[in-house]
């Protein structure tokens, strides 16, 4: 799989918040659910607690960069919502990638094979 789709509608986010499994870390919260198709769909949420618009945008960019690095190892057919925490804007994408990889492994969405990030 070379790409992913994005979640845009409030209902899609709310479905994952309500019915999805969550994995919590001080840098990132991940909600996982089954996709209504065969594609990987993701959404990124940053609340006002994160800071001003610059900090929220940085948090989104860092999360997206980490996910793009993990994408080849993610199994298709899942919806993911990543929620930024207050420490996210200050973290590097490699730190976020390691946390994301651990959370995706716990969720059973990580393909076994080549490791792209070390724990």
C-alpha atoms as a PDB file:
ATOM      1  CA  UNK A   1       0.000   0.000   0.000  1.00  0.00           C
ATOM      2  CA  UNK A   2       1.497   3.300  -1.018  1.00  0.00           C
ATOM      3  CA  UNK A   3      -0.944   5.790   0.414  1.00  0.00           C
ATOM      4  CA  UNK A   4      -3.721   6.552   2.781  1.00  0.00           C
ATOM      5  CA  UNK A   5      -6.958   8.505   2.931  1.00  0.00           C
ATOM      6  CA  UNK A   6      -7.887  11.066   5.549  1.00  0.00           C
ATOM      7  CA  UNK A   7     -10.829  11.163   7.916  1.00  0.00           C
ATOM      8  CA  UNK A   8     -12.643  14.455   7.560  1.00  0.00           C
ATOM      9  CA  UNK A   9     -16.135  14.125   8.977  1.00  0.00           C
ATOM     10  CA  UNK A  10     -16.962  14.585  12.619  1.00  0.00           C
ATOM     11  CA  UNK A  11     -18.980  11.351  12.615  1.00  0.00           C
ATOM     12  CA  UNK A  12     -15.959   9.337  11.526  1.00  0.00           C
ATOM     13  CA  UNK A  13     -13.894  10.730  14.399  1.00  0.00           C
ATOM     14  CA  UNK A  14     -16.727  10.212  16.906  1.00  0.00           C
ATOM     15  CA  UNK A  15     -17.170   6.593  15.790  1.00  0.00           C
ATOM     16  CA  UNK A  16     -13.540   5.856  16.617  1.00  0.00           C
ATOM     17  CA  UNK A  17     -13.670   7.760  19.913  1.00  0.00           C
ATOM     18  CA  UNK A  18     -16.724   5.758  20.954  1.00  0.00           C
ATOM     19  CA  UNK A  19     -16.100   2.292  19.538  1.00  0.00           C
ATOM     20  CA  UNK A  20     -12.388   2.192  18.778  1.00  0.00           C
ATOM     21  CA  UNK A  21      -9.575   0.939  20.974  1.00  0.00           C
ATOM     22  CA  UNK A  22      -7.283   3.572  22.432  1.00  0.00           C
ATOM     23  CA  UNK A  23      -3.578   3.504  23.202  1.00  0.00           C
ATOM     24  CA  UNK A  24      -2.230   6.281  25.413  1.00  0.00           C
ATOM     25  CA  UNK A  25       1.265   7.726  25.784  1.00  0.00           C
ATOM     26  CA  UNK A  26       2.379  11.173  27.064  1.00  0.00           C
ATOM     27  CA  UNK A  27       3.305  12.161  23.476  1.00  0.00           C
ATOM     28  CA  UNK A  28       0.411  10.643  21.519  1.00  0.00           C
ATOM     29  CA  UNK A  29      -3.001   9.000  21.851  1.00  0.00           C
ATOM     30  CA  UNK A  30      -4.053   6.594  19.104  1.00  0.00           C
ATOM     31  CA  UNK A  31      -7.600   5.383  18.417  1.00  0.00           C
ATOM     32  CA  UNK A  32      -7.926   2.319  16.193  1.00  0.00           C
ATOM     33  CA  UNK A  33     -10.956   0.859  14.461  1.00  0.00           C
ATOM     34  CA  UNK A  34     -11.884  -1.159  11.413  1.00  0.00           C
ATOM     35  CA  UNK A  35     -12.169   0.678   8.132  1.00  0.00           C
ATOM     36  CA  UNK A  36     -15.331   0.571   6.089  1.00  0.00           C
ATOM     37  CA  UNK A  37     -13.203  -0.263   3.084  1.00  0.00           C
ATOM     38  CA  UNK A  38      -9.823  -1.788   2.464  1.00  0.00           C
ATOM     39  CA  UNK A  39      -7.814   1.411   2.752  1.00  0.00           C
ATOM     40  CA  UNK A  40      -5.903   2.944   5.628  1.00  0.00           C
ATOM     41  CA  UNK A  41      -7.636   6.123   6.760  1.00  0.00           C
ATOM     42  CA  UNK A  42      -6.172   8.514   9.311  1.00  0.00           C
ATOM     43  CA  UNK A  43      -7.137  11.669  11.134  1.00  0.00           C
ATOM     44  CA  UNK A  44      -5.077  13.982  13.319  1.00  0.00           C
ATOM     45  CA  UNK A  45      -6.578  16.023  16.139  1.00  0.00           C
ATOM     46  CA  UNK A  46      -4.932  18.864  18.015  1.00  0.00           C
ATOM     47  CA  UNK A  47      -6.865  20.740  20.674  1.00  0.00           C
ATOM     48  CA  UNK A  48      -6.372  24.253  21.963  1.00  0.00           C
ATOM     49  CA  UNK A  49      -4.536  22.882  25.014  1.00  0.00           C
ATOM     50  CA  UNK A  50      -1.582  22.294  22.684  1.00  0.00           C
ATOM     51  CA  UNK A  51      -1.052  26.033  22.216  1.00  0.00           C
ATOM     52  CA  UNK A  52      -1.456  28.608  19.495  1.00  0.00           C
ATOM     53  CA  UNK A  53      -1.933  27.817  15.798  1.00  0.00           C
ATOM     54  CA  UNK A  54       1.812  27.531  15.174  1.00  0.00           C
ATOM     55  CA  UNK A  55       2.237  24.854  17.864  1.00  0.00           C
ATOM     56  CA  UNK A  56      -0.878  22.957  16.734  1.00  0.00           C
ATOM     57  CA  UNK A  57       0.300  22.940  13.121  1.00  0.00           C
ATOM     58  CA  UNK A  58       3.746  21.755  14.170  1.00  0.00           C
ATOM     59  CA  UNK A  59       2.157  18.928  16.162  1.00  0.00           C
ATOM     60  CA  UNK A  60       0.135  17.863  13.100  1.00  0.00           C
ATOM     61  CA  UNK A  61       3.207  18.001  10.838  1.00  0.00           C
ATOM     62  CA  UNK A  62       5.298  15.931  13.254  1.00  0.00           C
ATOM     63  CA  UNK A  63       2.563  13.282  13.585  1.00  0.00           C
ATOM     64  CA  UNK A  64       2.079  13.085   9.799  1.00  0.00           C
ATOM     65  CA  UNK A  65       5.839  12.761   9.204  1.00  0.00           C
ATOM     66  CA  UNK A  66       6.038   9.941  11.744  1.00  0.00           C
ATOM     67  CA  UNK A  67       3.067   8.162  10.163  1.00  0.00           C
ATOM     68  CA  UNK A  68       4.524   8.400   6.648  1.00  0.00           C
ATOM     69  CA  UNK A  69       7.663   6.666   7.945  1.00  0.00           C
ATOM     70  CA  UNK A  70       5.521   3.899   9.497  1.00  0.00           C
ATOM     71  CA  UNK A  71       3.094   3.528   6.569  1.00  0.00           C
ATOM     72  CA  UNK A  72       4.831   0.657   4.710  1.00  0.00           C
ATOM     73  CA  UNK A  73       4.523  -1.544   7.812  1.00  0.00           C
ATOM     74  CA  UNK A  74       0.878  -0.746   8.671  1.00  0.00           C
ATOM     75  CA  UNK A  75      -1.697  -3.383   7.746  1.00  0.00           C
ATOM     76  CA  UNK A  76      -4.499  -2.068   5.499  1.00  0.00           C
ATOM     77  CA  UNK A  77      -8.166  -1.938   6.434  1.00  0.00           C
ATOM     78  CA  UNK A  78      -7.999   0.279   9.507  1.00  0.00           C
ATOM     79  CA  UNK A  79      -9.062   3.729  10.628  1.00  0.00           C
ATOM     80  CA  UNK A  80      -6.642   5.612  12.871  1.00  0.00           C
ATOM     81  CA  UNK A  81      -7.034   8.851  14.788  1.00  0.00           C
ATOM     82  CA  UNK A  82      -3.940  10.385  16.346  1.00  0.00           C
ATOM     83  CA  UNK A  83      -4.511  12.926  19.119  1.00  0.00           C
ATOM     84  CA  UNK A  84      -1.677  15.299  19.967  1.00  0.00           C
ATOM     85  CA  UNK A  85      -0.769  15.797  23.617  1.00  0.00           C
ATOM     86  CA  UNK A  86       0.782  18.888  25.200  1.00  0.00           C
ATOM     87  CA  UNK A  87       4.322  17.482  24.764  1.00  0.00           C
ATOM     88  CA  UNK A  88       3.846  16.615  21.071  1.00  0.00           C
ATOM     89  CA  UNK A  89       4.946  19.936  19.476  1.00  0.00           C
ATOM     90  CA  UNK A  90       8.291  19.801  21.291  1.00  0.00           C
ATOM     91  CA  UNK A  91       9.053  16.241  20.184  1.00  0.00           C
ATOM     92  CA  UNK A  92      10.895  15.132  17.071  1.00  0.00           C
ATOM     93  CA  UNK A  93       9.193  12.939  14.486  1.00  0.00           C
ATOM     94  CA  UNK A  94      11.558  10.059  15.339  1.00  0.00           C
ATOM     95  CA  UNK A  95      10.325  10.072  18.943  1.00  0.00           C
ATOM     96  CA  UNK A  96       6.711  10.141  17.785  1.00  0.00           C
ATOM     97  CA  UNK A  97       7.456   7.377  15.265  1.00  0.00           C
ATOM     98  CA  UNK A  98       8.794   5.089  18.000  1.00  0.00           C
ATOM     99  CA  UNK A  99       5.676   5.681  20.134  1.00  0.00           C
ATOM    100  CA  UNK A 100       3.408   5.216  17.110  1.00  0.00           C
ATOM    101  CA  UNK A 101       5.155   1.976  16.157  1.00  0.00           C
ATOM    102  CA  UNK A 102       4.700   0.610  19.687  1.00  0.00           C
ATOM    103  CA  UNK A 103       1.010   1.554  19.699  1.00  0.00           C
ATOM    104  CA  UNK A 104       0.383   0.020  16.274  1.00  0.00           C
ATOM    105  CA  UNK A 105       2.106  -3.187  17.394  1.00  0.00           C
ATOM    106  CA  UNK A 106      -0.138  -3.330  20.464  1.00  0.00           C
ATOM    107  CA  UNK A 107      -3.163  -2.867  18.203  1.00  0.00           C
ATOM    108  CA  UNK A 108      -2.031  -5.731  15.961  1.00  0.00           C
ATOM    109  CA  UNK A 109      -1.653  -3.500  12.909  1.00  0.00           C
ATOM    110  CA  UNK A 110       2.113  -3.787  12.465  1.00  0.00           C
ATOM    111  CA  UNK A 111       3.395  -6.157   9.791  1.00  0.00           C
ATOM    112  CA  UNK A 112       6.232  -8.381  10.939  1.00  0.00           C
ATOM    113  CA  UNK A 113       9.339  -7.991   8.864  1.00  0.00           C
ATOM    114  CA  UNK A 114      11.841  -5.209   8.440  1.00  0.00           C
ATOM    115  CA  UNK A 115      12.010  -2.787  11.347  1.00  0.00           C
ATOM    116  CA  UNK A 116      11.848   0.891  10.331  1.00  0.00           C
ATOM    117  CA  UNK A 117      12.268   2.359  13.805  1.00  0.00           C
ATOM    118  CA  UNK A 118      14.011   0.969  16.822  1.00  0.00           C
ATOM    119  CA  UNK A 119      12.377   0.852  20.252  1.00  0.00           C
END
